[in-house]
Amino acid sequence: AVVSTQSTGSPIVREGYLIKQGNMVKNWRRRWFTLSRSYLIYREEEGTPTKGQIRMCDIKLTRRSERYPDKRFLFEVITSKRTYYMMASSQDEMDGWTDAISHILKNPSDTSSL
């Protein structure tokens, strides 16, 4: 469901909180994520300034991750420069995020089926 349009002008496909592992300090922090056809953006809280963004065209793959066996509902977003580790609060939420990202990667110009 398209929720609203972000500053990039691209409709929002999915948004919500995920737990993300930091890049330099490997701690886990709750972040507000917004997925559009162009970017996966994250912030400290909904409505706060952007902390980081991943261009959808840079994402090679998203999948369930086995890297940290003690973390349930963990998935990874893989780019050529970095692998991002994110954790959802349920299996359904994890599947929703990975399915939405995968759909955009497979159908970069299709806006009808989201």
N, C-alpha and C. Protein backbone atom coordinates (compact mmCIF):
# COMPACT_ATOMS: atom_id res chain seq x y z
N ALA A 1 0.84 -1.19 0.00
CA ALA A 1 0.00 0.00 0.00
C ALA A 1 0.88 1.24 0.00
N VAL A 2 0.57 2.16 -0.86
CA VAL A 2 1.32 3.40 -0.91
C VAL A 2 0.82 4.29 0.22
N VAL A 3 1.72 4.69 1.10
CA VAL A 3 1.34 5.45 2.28
C VAL A 3 1.39 6.94 2.01
N SER A 4 2.52 7.41 1.50
CA SER A 4 2.68 8.83 1.19
C SER A 4 3.87 8.97 0.27
N THR A 5 4.25 10.18 -0.04
CA THR A 5 5.41 10.42 -0.89
C THR A 5 6.47 11.11 -0.05
N GLN A 6 7.69 10.61 -0.15
CA GLN A 6 8.78 11.22 0.60
C GLN A 6 9.44 12.29 -0.24
N SER A 7 10.48 12.91 0.28
CA SER A 7 11.11 14.05 -0.39
C SER A 7 11.71 13.70 -1.74
N THR A 8 12.02 12.43 -1.99
CA THR A 8 12.57 12.04 -3.29
C THR A 8 11.49 12.03 -4.36
N GLY A 9 10.23 12.15 -3.97
CA GLY A 9 9.14 12.12 -4.92
C GLY A 9 8.68 10.71 -5.25
N SER A 10 9.30 9.73 -4.62
CA SER A 10 8.98 8.33 -4.89
C SER A 10 8.00 7.83 -3.84
N PRO A 11 6.89 7.21 -4.24
CA PRO A 11 5.90 6.74 -3.25
C PRO A 11 6.51 5.74 -2.26
N ILE A 12 6.06 5.81 -1.04
CA ILE A 12 6.51 4.91 0.00
C ILE A 12 5.83 3.56 -0.17
N VAL A 13 6.64 2.51 -0.20
CA VAL A 13 6.14 1.15 -0.37
C VAL A 13 5.89 0.51 1.00
N ARG A 14 6.79 0.76 1.94
CA ARG A 14 6.69 0.16 3.27
C ARG A 14 7.47 1.04 4.24
N GLU A 15 7.00 1.13 5.48
CA GLU A 15 7.76 1.83 6.51
C GLU A 15 7.46 1.23 7.87
N GLY A 16 8.42 1.39 8.77
CA GLY A 16 8.24 0.87 10.12
C GLY A 16 9.59 0.70 10.81
N TYR A 17 9.53 0.29 12.08
CA TYR A 17 10.75 0.10 12.86
C TYR A 17 11.38 -1.26 12.61
N LEU A 18 12.71 -1.24 12.49
CA LEU A 18 13.53 -2.44 12.46
C LEU A 18 14.72 -2.19 13.38
N ILE A 19 15.36 -3.25 13.82
CA ILE A 19 16.59 -3.14 14.60
C ILE A 19 17.74 -3.34 13.62
N LYS A 20 18.67 -2.38 13.58
CA LYS A 20 19.78 -2.42 12.61
C LYS A 20 21.11 -2.46 13.34
N GLN A 21 22.03 -3.24 12.80
CA GLN A 21 23.37 -3.27 13.37
C GLN A 21 24.18 -2.09 12.82
N GLY A 22 24.91 -1.42 13.71
CA GLY A 22 25.75 -0.30 13.30
C GLY A 22 26.91 -0.76 12.42
N ASN A 23 27.45 0.16 11.65
CA ASN A 23 28.54 -0.15 10.73
C ASN A 23 29.89 -0.20 11.44
N MET A 24 30.20 0.84 12.20
CA MET A 24 31.50 0.91 12.89
C MET A 24 31.41 0.23 14.26
N VAL A 25 30.48 0.69 15.07
CA VAL A 25 30.23 0.07 16.38
C VAL A 25 29.14 -0.97 16.14
N LYS A 26 29.42 -2.22 16.40
CA LYS A 26 28.49 -3.29 16.02
C LYS A 26 27.36 -3.49 17.04
N ASN A 27 26.78 -2.39 17.49
CA ASN A 27 25.65 -2.51 18.40
C ASN A 27 24.34 -2.51 17.59
N TRP A 28 23.26 -2.85 18.25
CA TRP A 28 21.96 -2.96 17.57
C TRP A 28 21.07 -1.81 18.02
N ARG A 29 20.54 -1.06 17.07
CA ARG A 29 19.71 0.12 17.36
C ARG A 29 18.40 0.05 16.60
N ARG A 30 17.36 0.52 17.26
CA ARG A 30 16.04 0.60 16.63
C ARG A 30 16.02 1.82 15.71
N ARG A 31 15.63 1.61 14.47
CA ARG A 31 15.58 2.69 13.48
C ARG A 31 14.25 2.63 12.72
N TRP A 32 13.81 3.80 12.28
CA TRP A 32 12.61 3.92 11.45
C TRP A 32 13.04 3.82 9.99
N PHE A 33 12.53 2.81 9.29
CA PHE A 33 12.89 2.58 7.89
C PHE A 33 11.75 2.97 6.97
N THR A 34 12.11 3.54 5.83
CA THR A 34 11.16 3.90 4.79
C THR A 34 11.68 3.33 3.48
N LEU A 35 10.87 2.49 2.85
CA LEU A 35 11.23 1.88 1.57
C LEU A 35 10.42 2.51 0.45
N SER A 36 11.12 2.98 -0.57
CA SER A 36 10.46 3.43 -1.80
C SER A 36 11.10 2.65 -2.96
N ARG A 37 10.67 2.89 -4.16
CA ARG A 37 11.26 2.20 -5.31
C ARG A 37 12.71 2.67 -5.53
N SER A 38 13.09 3.83 -4.99
CA SER A 38 14.42 4.40 -5.22
C SER A 38 15.40 4.16 -4.08
N TYR A 39 14.90 4.21 -2.83
CA TYR A 39 15.78 4.18 -1.65
C TYR A 39 15.18 3.37 -0.50
N LEU A 40 16.08 2.85 0.33
CA LEU A 40 15.74 2.36 1.66
C LEU A 40 16.43 3.33 2.61
N ILE A 41 15.63 4.13 3.30
CA ILE A 41 16.14 5.20 4.16
C ILE A 41 15.90 4.83 5.62
N TYR A 42 16.84 5.22 6.50
CA TYR A 42 16.61 4.99 7.92
C TYR A 42 16.92 6.23 8.74
N ARG A 43 16.15 6.35 9.84
CA ARG A 43 16.22 7.49 10.75
C ARG A 43 16.18 6.96 12.18
N GLU A 44 16.55 7.82 13.14
CA GLU A 44 16.44 7.41 14.54
C GLU A 44 14.99 7.16 14.93
N GLU A 45 14.11 8.06 14.55
CA GLU A 45 12.67 7.96 14.84
C GLU A 45 11.91 8.45 13.62
N GLU A 46 10.64 8.10 13.54
CA GLU A 46 9.79 8.60 12.46
C GLU A 46 9.78 10.13 12.50
N GLY A 47 10.01 10.76 11.36
CA GLY A 47 9.96 12.21 11.28
C GLY A 47 11.26 12.92 11.62
N THR A 48 12.30 12.20 12.02
CA THR A 48 13.59 12.83 12.32
C THR A 48 14.47 12.82 11.06
N PRO A 49 15.58 13.57 11.08
CA PRO A 49 16.44 13.62 9.88
C PRO A 49 16.99 12.24 9.51
N THR A 50 17.27 12.07 8.23
CA THR A 50 17.81 10.83 7.71
C THR A 50 19.18 10.53 8.31
N LYS A 51 19.37 9.30 8.80
CA LYS A 51 20.68 8.86 9.30
C LYS A 51 21.48 8.19 8.19
N GLY A 52 20.77 7.53 7.28
CA GLY A 52 21.45 6.85 6.19
C GLY A 52 20.46 6.43 5.13
N GLN A 53 20.99 6.13 3.96
CA GLN A 53 20.12 5.67 2.88
C GLN A 53 20.88 4.70 2.00
N ILE A 54 20.14 3.75 1.46
CA ILE A 54 20.68 2.76 0.55
C ILE A 54 19.91 2.91 -0.76
N ARG A 55 20.62 3.16 -1.84
CA ARG A 55 19.93 3.25 -3.13
C ARG A 55 19.49 1.86 -3.55
N MET A 56 18.27 1.74 -4.01
CA MET A 56 17.75 0.43 -4.42
C MET A 56 18.59 -0.16 -5.55
N CYS A 57 19.11 0.69 -6.43
CA CYS A 57 19.92 0.18 -7.55
C CYS A 57 21.25 -0.39 -7.07
N ASP A 58 21.66 -0.11 -5.82
CA ASP A 58 22.91 -0.66 -5.26
C ASP A 58 22.69 -2.00 -4.56
N ILE A 59 21.43 -2.35 -4.27
CA ILE A 59 21.15 -3.59 -3.55
C ILE A 59 21.22 -4.77 -4.51
N LYS A 60 22.03 -5.75 -4.14
CA LYS A 60 22.18 -6.96 -4.95
C LYS A 60 21.18 -8.02 -4.53
N LEU A 61 20.90 -8.11 -3.21
CA LEU A 61 20.12 -9.23 -2.70
C LEU A 61 19.65 -8.91 -1.28
N THR A 62 18.50 -9.46 -0.92
CA THR A 62 18.07 -9.46 0.47
C THR A 62 17.63 -10.88 0.80
N ARG A 63 17.96 -11.32 2.00
CA ARG A 63 17.62 -12.70 2.39
C ARG A 63 17.69 -12.83 3.90
N ARG A 64 17.10 -13.93 4.38
CA ARG A 64 17.21 -14.26 5.80
C ARG A 64 18.68 -14.47 6.12
N SER A 65 19.10 -14.04 7.30
CA SER A 65 20.51 -14.17 7.68
C SER A 65 20.69 -15.19 8.80
N GLU A 66 21.73 -15.98 8.68
CA GLU A 66 22.09 -16.95 9.73
C GLU A 66 23.35 -16.49 10.47
N ARG A 67 23.79 -15.28 10.20
CA ARG A 67 25.06 -14.79 10.76
C ARG A 67 25.06 -14.76 12.29
N TYR A 68 23.93 -14.35 12.87
CA TYR A 68 23.81 -14.27 14.34
C TYR A 68 22.68 -15.21 14.76
N PRO A 69 22.99 -16.47 15.08
CA PRO A 69 21.94 -17.47 15.36
C PRO A 69 21.03 -17.09 16.52
N ASP A 70 21.48 -16.23 17.43
CA ASP A 70 20.65 -15.83 18.57
C ASP A 70 19.64 -14.74 18.20
N LYS A 71 19.73 -14.18 17.00
CA LYS A 71 18.82 -13.11 16.57
C LYS A 71 17.73 -13.72 15.70
N ARG A 72 16.49 -13.64 16.19
CA ARG A 72 15.37 -14.14 15.40
C ARG A 72 14.93 -13.07 14.40
N PHE A 73 14.39 -13.50 13.30
CA PHE A 73 13.82 -12.61 12.27
C PHE A 73 14.87 -11.64 11.71
N LEU A 74 16.10 -12.14 11.59
CA LEU A 74 17.22 -11.34 11.07
C LEU A 74 17.32 -11.53 9.56
N PHE A 75 17.49 -10.40 8.86
CA PHE A 75 17.72 -10.50 7.42
C PHE A 75 18.84 -9.55 7.04
N GLU A 76 19.39 -9.77 5.86
CA GLU A 76 20.49 -8.94 5.39
C GLU A 76 20.14 -8.31 4.06
N VAL A 77 20.63 -7.09 3.90
CA VAL A 77 20.50 -6.35 2.64
C VAL A 77 21.93 -6.17 2.14
N ILE A 78 22.23 -6.78 1.00
CA ILE A 78 23.60 -6.85 0.52
C ILE A 78 23.80 -5.88 -0.64
N THR A 79 24.82 -5.00 -0.48
CA THR A 79 25.26 -4.12 -1.56
C THR A 79 26.71 -4.49 -1.88
N SER A 80 27.27 -3.87 -2.91
CA SER A 80 28.66 -4.19 -3.26
C SER A 80 29.63 -3.69 -2.19
N LYS A 81 29.24 -2.67 -1.41
CA LYS A 81 30.13 -2.09 -0.42
C LYS A 81 29.91 -2.59 1.00
N ARG A 82 28.71 -3.07 1.30
CA ARG A 82 28.40 -3.40 2.69
C ARG A 82 27.21 -4.36 2.75
N THR A 83 27.20 -5.18 3.80
CA THR A 83 26.02 -5.98 4.12
C THR A 83 25.38 -5.38 5.35
N TYR A 84 24.12 -4.99 5.23
CA TYR A 84 23.34 -4.42 6.34
C TYR A 84 22.58 -5.54 7.02
N TYR A 85 22.64 -5.60 8.35
CA TYR A 85 21.89 -6.59 9.12
C TYR A 85 20.74 -5.88 9.81
N MET A 86 19.52 -6.39 9.59
CA MET A 86 18.32 -5.79 10.16
C MET A 86 17.46 -6.89 10.77
N MET A 87 16.80 -6.54 11.85
CA MET A 87 15.99 -7.52 12.56
C MET A 87 14.56 -7.00 12.71
N ALA A 88 13.62 -7.83 12.31
CA ALA A 88 12.20 -7.50 12.45
C ALA A 88 11.66 -8.07 13.76
N SER A 89 10.44 -7.70 14.10
CA SER A 89 9.86 -8.17 15.36
C SER A 89 9.06 -9.47 15.20
N SER A 90 8.85 -9.91 13.95
CA SER A 90 8.10 -11.16 13.72
C SER A 90 8.49 -11.74 12.36
N GLN A 91 8.14 -12.99 12.15
CA GLN A 91 8.37 -13.64 10.86
C GLN A 91 7.61 -12.91 9.75
N ASP A 92 6.35 -12.55 10.02
CA ASP A 92 5.54 -11.85 9.02
C ASP A 92 6.16 -10.51 8.63
N GLU A 93 6.66 -9.77 9.63
CA GLU A 93 7.27 -8.47 9.35
C GLU A 93 8.55 -8.66 8.52
N MET A 94 9.37 -9.63 8.89
CA MET A 94 10.59 -9.90 8.12
C MET A 94 10.25 -10.27 6.68
N ASP A 95 9.28 -11.16 6.51
CA ASP A 95 8.86 -11.57 5.17
C ASP A 95 8.33 -10.38 4.37
N GLY A 96 7.59 -9.50 5.04
CA GLY A 96 7.05 -8.31 4.36
C GLY A 96 8.15 -7.41 3.82
N TRP A 97 9.17 -7.19 4.63
CA TRP A 97 10.30 -6.35 4.18
C TRP A 97 11.09 -7.03 3.07
N THR A 98 11.47 -8.29 3.27
CA THR A 98 12.29 -8.95 2.24
C THR A 98 11.51 -9.15 0.94
N ASP A 99 10.22 -9.45 1.04
CA ASP A 99 9.40 -9.60 -0.17
C ASP A 99 9.28 -8.28 -0.92
N ALA A 100 9.06 -7.18 -0.19
CA ALA A 100 8.91 -5.87 -0.83
C ALA A 100 10.21 -5.44 -1.52
N ILE A 101 11.34 -5.62 -0.83
CA ILE A 101 12.64 -5.27 -1.42
C ILE A 101 12.91 -6.14 -2.64
N SER A 102 12.70 -7.45 -2.50
CA SER A 102 12.94 -8.37 -3.62
C SER A 102 12.06 -8.04 -4.82
N HIS A 103 10.81 -7.68 -4.56
CA HIS A 103 9.90 -7.33 -5.66
C HIS A 103 10.42 -6.12 -6.43
N ILE A 104 10.89 -5.10 -5.72
CA ILE A 104 11.43 -3.91 -6.38
C ILE A 104 12.67 -4.27 -7.20
N LEU A 105 13.54 -5.12 -6.64
CA LEU A 105 14.75 -5.52 -7.35
C LEU A 105 14.43 -6.28 -8.63
N LYS A 106 13.39 -7.13 -8.60
CA LYS A 106 13.02 -7.92 -9.77
C LYS A 106 12.21 -7.12 -10.78
N ASN A 107 11.51 -6.09 -10.31
CA ASN A 107 10.61 -5.30 -11.16
C ASN A 107 10.87 -3.82 -10.96
N PRO A 108 12.05 -3.32 -11.36
CA PRO A 108 12.42 -1.95 -11.01
C PRO A 108 11.50 -0.86 -11.58
N SER A 109 10.79 -1.15 -12.65
CA SER A 109 9.93 -0.11 -13.21
C SER A 109 8.44 -0.35 -13.01
N ASP A 110 8.10 -1.48 -12.39
CA ASP A 110 6.70 -1.83 -12.19
C ASP A 110 6.15 -1.20 -10.91
N THR A 111 5.19 -0.32 -11.05
CA THR A 111 4.61 0.32 -9.86
C THR A 111 3.21 -0.21 -9.54
N SER A 112 2.68 -1.04 -10.41
CA SER A 112 1.27 -1.43 -10.26
C SER A 112 1.02 -2.47 -9.18
N SER A 113 1.99 -3.35 -8.93
CA SER A 113 1.68 -4.49 -8.07
C SER A 113 2.13 -4.30 -6.60
N LEU A 114 2.53 -3.11 -6.24
CA LEU A 114 2.93 -2.88 -4.83
C LEU A 114 1.78 -2.31 -4.05
